[in-house]
Protein backbone atom coordinates (compact mmCIF):
# COMPACT_ATOMS: atom_id res chain seq x y z
CA UNK A 1 193.81 -8.91 -128.48
CA UNK A 2 193.63 -12.68 -129.09
CA UNK A 3 196.72 -14.84 -129.76
CA UNK A 4 196.44 -17.96 -132.06
CA UNK A 5 198.44 -20.73 -130.97
CA UNK A 6 199.69 -23.09 -133.73
CA UNK A 7 201.02 -26.35 -134.08
CA UNK A 8 204.83 -25.96 -135.24
CA UNK A 9 204.81 -29.35 -137.16
CA UNK A 10 202.50 -32.54 -138.08
CA UNK A 11 201.72 -34.84 -135.76
CA UNK A 12 199.48 -35.92 -132.44
CA UNK A 13 198.35 -34.16 -129.70
CA UNK A 14 199.26 -36.34 -126.66
CA UNK A 15 198.44 -34.21 -123.69
CA UNK A 16 196.45 -30.86 -122.85
CA UNK A 17 197.83 -29.05 -119.86
CA UNK A 18 195.73 -26.24 -119.64
CA UNK A 19 191.90 -25.75 -120.10
CA UNK A 20 189.33 -23.09 -121.03
CA UNK A 21 189.85 -20.17 -118.09
CA UNK A 22 192.98 -20.55 -117.15
CA UNK A 23 195.71 -17.71 -116.54
CA UNK A 24 198.93 -18.50 -118.56
CA UNK A 25 202.35 -16.56 -118.93
CA UNK A 26 204.53 -16.62 -121.68
CA UNK A 27 206.74 -19.75 -121.96
CA UNK A 28 203.87 -21.62 -119.96
CA UNK A 29 204.15 -25.03 -121.42
CA UNK A 30 200.17 -25.34 -122.75
CA UNK A 31 200.35 -28.79 -124.78
CA UNK A 32 202.45 -31.60 -125.57
CA UNK A 33 202.97 -32.49 -129.48
CA UNK A 34 204.40 -36.26 -130.43
CA UNK A 35 205.83 -36.04 -133.76
CA UNK A 36 208.82 -38.65 -135.36
CA UNK A 37 208.61 -40.45 -131.54
CA UNK A 38 209.61 -36.73 -129.91
CA UNK A 39 207.62 -34.79 -127.44
CA UNK A 40 207.68 -31.06 -128.59
CA UNK A 41 206.04 -28.68 -126.00
CA UNK A 42 204.04 -26.31 -126.88
CA UNK A 43 204.78 -22.99 -125.00
CA UNK A 44 202.54 -19.86 -124.61
CA UNK A 45 203.43 -16.75 -126.52
CA UNK A 46 201.89 -14.58 -124.64
CA UNK A 47 200.67 -13.69 -121.10
CA UNK A 48 196.73 -14.21 -120.80
CA UNK A 49 193.64 -16.67 -120.38
CA UNK A 50 192.89 -19.35 -122.21
CA UNK A 51 189.72 -18.80 -124.42
CA UNK A 52 189.06 -21.61 -126.49
CA UNK A 53 191.06 -24.67 -127.46
CA UNK A 54 190.52 -26.36 -130.79
CA UNK A 55 191.98 -29.98 -130.54
CA UNK A 56 191.89 -32.77 -127.39
CA UNK A 57 194.32 -35.02 -126.50
CA UNK A 58 194.77 -37.77 -129.14
CA UNK A 59 193.91 -35.60 -132.20
CA UNK A 60 196.26 -35.27 -135.06
CA UNK A 61 196.88 -32.25 -136.16
CA UNK A 62 198.36 -30.48 -139.71
CA UNK A 63 201.47 -27.78 -139.22
CA UNK A 64 199.98 -24.31 -138.53
CA UNK A 65 196.75 -26.26 -137.53
CA UNK A 66 194.90 -23.71 -135.00
CA UNK A 67 195.22 -25.11 -131.53
CA UNK A 68 194.29 -22.47 -129.22
CA UNK A 69 193.45 -19.28 -128.53
CA UNK A 70 194.80 -17.01 -125.63
CA UNK A 71 193.26 -13.56 -125.11
């Protein structure tokens, strides 16, 4: 079953710390979202494998925008 990981707020993706095919554990750091001059880590909500990444470093994202999919 696939799990969508979405942006908790609007901002800029400053770093992508995973790639497609990576195995991740719940609470692994996946990305850094820069918002309001603060770096906010995006954590994995589940154990699984990264199957698709929808954004790249430097991308501006909106609140609730799909960032990646974990299966």
